[in-house]
Amino acid sequence: MHDYPLLPDELEFLVKRPEGRSYYFELNGQTLLWYHESISGLEPIPVHPSEDRWEEFWRRMDALGIWHWAGRTHRAAPPVSIPAPPSEPPTDEVRSWRLKLTGRGRVLCYSSAAGASSIPIGATAEEFAELVEAIHVLVGN
């Protein structure tokens, strides 16, 4: 457990896009690292969300009911538009994504090689897109 009560035990979110425009968020201690593709590879940018942002993140997670989603994914029709951070060019193309969130005695872990056409069972396309947006808001995007 972290000394900082609002931090999850683990948070990882990876989105692989075509043409090397992937991005990855990872909690490392009390710092959220945002890795983005650059000419020299994945470069981390440290982000320190405020208490208000963490509280808003958890409120949104609870409101979405993510803890009741099944630990598997299914194909969504039509494919979900996974938003890119504002610094990235917009595209609906997603090759794969992975999410791991643990905290408050709960675990949420998903991986999809089917890209944006696959979402967690129990989630609507809109709820999944809101989850992605909540992560972007957390890091200040």
Protein backbone atom coordinates (compact mmCIF):
# COMPACT_ATOMS: atom_id res chain seq x y z
CA MET A 1 0.00 0.00 0.00
CA HIS A 2 1.09 3.56 -0.63
CA ASP A 3 1.49 6.22 2.02
CA TYR A 4 -0.62 8.45 -0.20
CA PRO A 5 -4.17 7.10 0.26
CA LEU A 6 -5.56 8.16 -3.11
CA LEU A 7 -2.96 6.29 -5.15
CA PRO A 8 -3.86 2.90 -6.59
CA ASP A 9 -1.47 0.05 -5.90
CA GLU A 10 -0.94 -0.33 -9.65
CA LEU A 11 -2.03 1.61 -12.70
CA GLU A 12 -0.87 0.77 -16.21
CA PHE A 13 -2.52 1.75 -19.46
CA LEU A 14 -1.00 1.01 -22.86
CA VAL A 15 -2.39 1.86 -26.28
CA LYS A 16 -0.49 0.68 -29.37
CA ARG A 17 -1.28 2.66 -32.50
CA PRO A 18 0.02 2.28 -36.03
CA GLU A 19 3.14 4.09 -37.21
CA GLY A 20 4.80 4.12 -33.77
CA ARG A 21 2.36 6.50 -32.08
CA SER A 22 1.90 4.36 -28.98
CA TYR A 23 1.58 5.67 -25.46
CA TYR A 24 1.74 4.16 -22.00
CA PHE A 25 0.90 5.37 -18.49
CA GLU A 26 2.46 3.67 -15.47
CA LEU A 27 2.37 4.48 -11.76
CA ASN A 28 5.88 4.39 -10.32
CA GLY A 29 5.79 5.14 -6.61
CA GLN A 30 3.91 8.43 -6.27
CA THR A 31 4.68 9.51 -9.83
CA LEU A 32 2.62 8.69 -12.87
CA LEU A 33 4.92 8.23 -15.85
CA TRP A 34 3.56 9.00 -19.30
CA TYR A 35 5.63 7.33 -22.00
CA HIS A 36 5.16 8.47 -25.57
CA GLU A 37 6.86 7.48 -28.80
CA SER A 38 9.61 9.75 -30.04
CA ILE A 39 12.49 9.44 -32.46
CA SER A 40 14.66 8.02 -29.68
CA GLY A 41 12.02 5.53 -28.48
CA LEU A 42 9.66 5.65 -25.53
CA GLU A 43 10.42 8.67 -23.36
CA PRO A 44 8.84 9.09 -19.91
CA ILE A 45 7.26 12.33 -18.78
CA PRO A 46 6.68 12.41 -14.99
CA VAL A 47 3.20 13.57 -13.99
CA HIS A 48 2.05 14.38 -10.45
CA PRO A 49 -1.77 14.46 -10.38
CA SER A 50 -3.27 16.56 -7.61
CA GLU A 51 -5.40 15.07 -4.85
CA ASP A 52 -8.44 16.56 -6.59
CA ARG A 53 -7.57 14.74 -9.82
CA TRP A 54 -7.10 11.42 -8.00
CA GLU A 55 -10.41 11.89 -6.17
CA GLU A 56 -12.15 12.67 -9.47
CA PHE A 57 -10.53 9.62 -11.09
CA TRP A 58 -11.80 7.27 -8.36
CA ARG A 59 -15.23 8.90 -8.42
CA ARG A 60 -15.46 8.29 -12.17
CA MET A 61 -14.25 4.68 -11.79
CA ASP A 62 -16.91 3.98 -9.17
CA ALA A 63 -19.62 5.74 -11.21
CA LEU A 64 -18.71 3.64 -14.24
CA GLY A 65 -18.99 0.45 -12.19
CA ILE A 66 -15.67 -0.85 -13.54
CA TRP A 67 -15.30 -3.31 -10.66
CA HIS A 68 -18.34 -5.20 -12.00
CA TRP A 69 -16.98 -5.60 -15.51
CA ALA A 70 -15.90 -9.14 -16.34
CA GLY A 71 -12.18 -9.87 -16.62
CA ARG A 72 -12.53 -10.60 -20.32
CA THR A 73 -13.20 -8.59 -23.45
CA HIS A 74 -15.62 -8.95 -26.33
CA ARG A 75 -15.93 -7.37 -29.75
CA ALA A 76 -17.79 -4.09 -29.87
CA ALA A 77 -19.79 -3.12 -32.90
CA PRO A 78 -18.94 -0.56 -34.08
CA PRO A 79 -15.35 -0.32 -32.81
CA VAL A 80 -14.78 2.09 -29.93
CA SER A 81 -12.94 5.31 -30.62
CA ILE A 82 -10.08 5.31 -28.11
CA PRO A 83 -9.10 8.97 -27.78
CA ALA A 84 -5.46 9.97 -28.08
CA PRO A 85 -3.84 12.45 -25.72
CA PRO A 86 -4.02 15.98 -27.17
CA SER A 87 -0.32 15.90 -28.09
CA GLU A 88 -0.94 12.95 -30.41
CA PRO A 89 -2.51 13.08 -33.86
CA PRO A 90 -6.10 11.82 -33.73
CA THR A 91 -6.76 8.36 -35.15
CA ASP A 92 -9.31 5.64 -34.57
CA GLU A 93 -6.74 2.98 -35.37
CA VAL A 94 -5.64 1.00 -32.33
CA ARG A 95 -3.66 -2.22 -32.68
CA SER A 96 -3.92 -3.29 -29.06
CA TRP A 97 -4.46 -1.96 -25.57
CA ARG A 98 -3.83 -3.12 -22.00
CA LEU A 99 -5.17 -1.85 -18.69
CA LYS A 100 -4.26 -2.86 -15.15
CA LEU A 101 -5.72 -1.09 -12.12
CA THR A 102 -5.41 -2.42 -8.59
CA GLY A 103 -6.39 -0.64 -5.43
CA ARG A 104 -8.94 -0.52 -2.65
CA GLY A 105 -8.69 -4.32 -2.40
CA ARG A 106 -9.77 -4.78 -6.03
CA VAL A 107 -8.10 -5.79 -9.27
CA LEU A 108 -9.02 -4.88 -12.84
CA CYS A 109 -6.87 -6.30 -15.62
CA TYR A 110 -7.58 -6.43 -19.37
CA SER A 111 -5.57 -7.01 -22.49
CA SER A 112 -6.82 -6.87 -26.05
CA ALA A 113 -4.98 -7.69 -29.24
CA ALA A 114 -8.16 -6.83 -31.15
CA GLY A 115 -7.59 -3.12 -30.65
CA ALA A 116 -10.53 -0.77 -30.48
CA SER A 117 -12.95 -3.47 -31.58
CA SER A 118 -12.67 -5.17 -28.19
CA ILE A 119 -13.95 -3.81 -24.87
CA PRO A 120 -14.45 -5.29 -21.37
CA ILE A 121 -17.51 -7.52 -20.98
CA GLY A 122 -20.12 -5.58 -19.03
CA ALA A 123 -19.00 -2.20 -20.35
CA THR A 124 -20.66 -0.21 -23.09
CA ALA A 125 -18.55 1.48 -25.75
CA GLU A 126 -19.37 4.83 -24.15
CA GLU A 127 -18.29 3.63 -20.69
CA PHE A 128 -15.00 2.30 -22.02
CA ALA A 129 -14.32 5.58 -23.82
CA GLU A 130 -15.10 7.43 -20.57
CA LEU A 131 -12.59 5.23 -18.72
CA VAL A 132 -9.90 6.21 -21.24
CA GLU A 133 -10.87 9.87 -20.94
CA ALA A 134 -10.65 9.67 -17.13
CA ILE A 135 -7.05 8.43 -17.42
CA HIS A 136 -6.20 11.31 -19.77
CA VAL A 137 -7.79 13.83 -17.38
CA LEU A 138 -5.80 12.32 -14.50
CA VAL A 139 -2.52 13.07 -16.26
CA GLY A 140 -3.66 16.53 -17.30
CA ASN A 141 -4.50 15.96 -20.95
